[in-house]
């Protein structure tokens, strides 16, 4: 159980920057659209 959970946490840590960049990209896009409009 503990080993599986640690592996799951490692996967989250590995994908965390990807999710952050995706979230920042989606969050900044509406602002750019509003500024252009």
C-alpha atoms as a PDB file:
ATOM      1  CA  UNK A   1       0.000   0.000   0.000  1.00  0.00           C
ATOM      2  CA  UNK A   2       2.660   2.529   1.059  1.00  0.00           C
ATOM      3  CA  UNK A   3       4.846   1.718  -1.957  1.00  0.00           C
ATOM      4  CA  UNK A   4       1.917   2.157  -4.348  1.00  0.00           C
ATOM      5  CA  UNK A   5       0.976   5.439  -2.698  1.00  0.00           C
ATOM      6  CA  UNK A   6       4.539   6.731  -2.933  1.00  0.00           C
ATOM      7  CA  UNK A   7       4.633   5.821  -6.627  1.00  0.00           C
ATOM      8  CA  UNK A   8       1.321   7.658  -7.104  1.00  0.00           C
ATOM      9  CA  UNK A   9       2.745  10.742  -5.365  1.00  0.00           C
ATOM     10  CA  UNK A  10       5.836  10.584  -7.605  1.00  0.00           C
ATOM     11  CA  UNK A  11       3.560  10.562 -10.661  1.00  0.00           C
ATOM     12  CA  UNK A  12       1.667  13.598  -9.330  1.00  0.00           C
ATOM     13  CA  UNK A  13       4.933  15.449  -8.683  1.00  0.00           C
ATOM     14  CA  UNK A  14       6.119  14.553 -12.190  1.00  0.00           C
ATOM     15  CA  UNK A  15       2.894  15.759 -13.866  1.00  0.00           C
ATOM     16  CA  UNK A  16       2.397  18.773 -11.566  1.00  0.00           C
ATOM     17  CA  UNK A  17       4.396  21.251 -13.730  1.00  0.00           C
ATOM     18  CA  UNK A  18       2.445  20.090 -16.798  1.00  0.00           C
ATOM     19  CA  UNK A  19      -0.918  20.729 -15.116  1.00  0.00           C
ATOM     20  CA  UNK A  20       0.306  24.109 -13.831  1.00  0.00           C
ATOM     21  CA  UNK A  21       1.445  25.200 -17.310  1.00  0.00           C
ATOM     22  CA  UNK A  22      -1.856  24.015 -18.799  1.00  0.00           C
ATOM     23  CA  UNK A  23      -3.855  25.847 -16.125  1.00  0.00           C
ATOM     24  CA  UNK A  24      -1.839  29.031 -16.577  1.00  0.00           C
ATOM     25  CA  UNK A  25      -2.300  28.790 -20.346  1.00  0.00           C
ATOM     26  CA  UNK A  26      -6.088  28.403 -20.054  1.00  0.00           C
ATOM     27  CA  UNK A  27      -6.223  31.131 -17.411  1.00  0.00           C
ATOM     28  CA  UNK A  28      -4.265  33.627 -19.532  1.00  0.00           C
ATOM     29  CA  UNK A  29      -6.156  32.953 -22.783  1.00  0.00           C
ATOM     30  CA  UNK A  30      -9.472  34.564 -21.687  1.00  0.00           C
ATOM     31  CA  UNK A  31      -7.563  37.667 -20.543  1.00  0.00           C
ATOM     32  CA  UNK A  32      -5.889  37.956 -23.950  1.00  0.00           C
ATOM     33  CA  UNK A  33      -9.243  37.529 -25.715  1.00  0.00           C
ATOM     34  CA  UNK A  34     -10.846  40.197 -23.522  1.00  0.00           C
ATOM     35  CA  UNK A  35      -7.974  42.612 -24.128  1.00  0.00           C
ATOM     36  CA  UNK A  36      -8.165  42.068 -27.905  1.00  0.00           C
ATOM     37  CA  UNK A  37     -11.944  42.453 -27.856  1.00  0.00           C
END
